Amino acid sequence: MVLKALIVCMQGESRVSKGYLTVVPKSIRSVTKISAGDRLTWTLEGGRIVVVPRRVRSINELNGLISHGGDAVSDKRRAQRGQQ
């Protein structure tokens, strides 16, 4: 049995304000479950801007970050960047 990935192509539009702020369109927010206070990661990929909601870490993942000891400040910065 061959499983094919379902690719949903959604498009939304927003304007960038003078303060460089923009709004995530409601159709995109609804599907991705983005809510106020969530963080987004912006990346340039081949001339395109890709915006991805930052994954929330579980308590087990955070526990693994600090269990090895070391510099807590650099560990926190790595965690904020999504690095292990």
Protein backbone atom coordinates (compact mmCIF):
# COMPACT_ATOMS: atom_id res chain seq x y z
CA MET A 1 0.00 0.00 0.00
CA VAL A 2 1.42 3.38 -0.99
CA LEU A 3 0.60 6.36 1.17
CA LYS A 4 0.68 9.76 -0.45
CA ALA A 5 1.28 12.89 1.58
CA LEU A 6 -1.60 15.31 1.56
CA ILE A 7 -0.27 18.72 0.66
CA VAL A 8 -2.57 21.59 1.45
CA CYS A 9 -1.67 24.83 -0.23
CA MET A 10 -3.16 27.77 1.60
CA GLN A 11 -2.56 31.36 0.82
CA GLY A 12 -3.25 34.48 2.77
CA GLU A 13 -2.30 38.10 2.43
CA SER A 14 -1.38 40.81 4.90
CA ARG A 15 0.19 44.23 4.78
CA VAL A 16 3.38 45.35 6.51
CA SER A 17 2.83 48.51 8.57
CA LYS A 18 5.22 51.44 8.91
CA GLY A 19 6.48 49.79 12.12
CA TYR A 20 7.17 46.56 10.12
CA LEU A 21 4.32 44.72 11.84
CA THR A 22 2.04 42.28 10.03
CA VAL A 23 -0.94 40.08 10.86
CA VAL A 24 -1.14 36.33 10.29
CA PRO A 25 -4.29 35.80 8.18
CA LYS A 26 -7.18 34.14 10.03
CA SER A 27 -7.33 31.17 7.64
CA ILE A 28 -3.64 30.40 8.36
CA ARG A 29 -4.04 30.96 12.13
CA SER A 30 -7.01 28.58 12.26
CA VAL A 31 -5.28 25.70 10.47
CA THR A 32 -1.93 26.07 12.26
CA LYS A 33 -3.49 26.83 15.66
CA ILE A 34 -1.33 29.96 16.06
CA SER A 35 -2.51 32.15 18.91
CA ALA A 36 -1.47 35.39 20.60
CA GLY A 37 1.96 35.10 22.23
CA ASP A 38 3.18 32.24 20.00
CA ARG A 39 6.61 32.66 18.42
CA LEU A 40 7.30 32.34 14.71
CA THR A 41 10.59 31.48 13.01
CA TRP A 42 11.29 33.35 9.75
CA THR A 43 13.69 31.79 7.24
CA LEU A 44 14.83 32.69 3.72
CA GLU A 45 14.84 29.64 1.44
CA GLY A 46 15.77 30.24 -2.17
CA GLY A 47 14.35 33.75 -2.29
CA ARG A 48 11.15 32.77 -0.45
CA ILE A 49 10.21 33.70 3.09
CA VAL A 50 9.12 30.68 5.13
CA VAL A 51 7.36 31.33 8.45
CA VAL A 52 7.04 28.39 10.85
CA PRO A 53 5.48 28.35 14.32
CA ARG A 54 8.17 27.56 16.88
CA ARG A 55 7.60 24.19 18.48
CA VAL A 56 6.86 24.18 22.20
CA ARG A 57 9.28 21.96 24.12
CA SER A 58 8.07 19.37 26.58
CA ILE A 59 9.32 19.29 30.16
CA ASN A 60 11.25 16.09 29.35
CA GLU A 61 13.18 17.85 26.57
CA LEU A 62 14.00 20.77 28.87
CA ASN A 63 15.13 18.38 31.59
CA GLY A 64 17.56 16.80 29.13
CA LEU A 65 19.06 20.20 28.32
CA ILE A 66 20.09 20.95 31.88
CA SER A 67 20.86 17.46 33.17
CA HIS A 68 24.36 17.42 31.65
CA GLY A 69 25.58 20.48 33.53
CA GLY A 70 27.61 23.24 31.95
CA ASP A 71 26.83 26.87 31.31
CA ALA A 72 23.15 27.56 31.99
CA VAL A 73 23.14 30.83 30.01
CA SER A 74 24.47 29.24 26.82
CA ASP A 75 22.11 26.26 27.33
CA LYS A 76 19.16 28.67 27.55
CA ARG A 77 20.24 30.53 24.40
CA ARG A 78 20.57 27.22 22.50
CA ALA A 79 17.09 26.18 23.68
CA GLN A 80 15.62 29.51 22.54
CA ARG A 81 17.12 28.98 19.08
CA GLY A 82 15.65 25.48 18.91
CA GLN A 83 19.04 23.79 19.11
CA GLN A 84 19.68 20.73 21.25
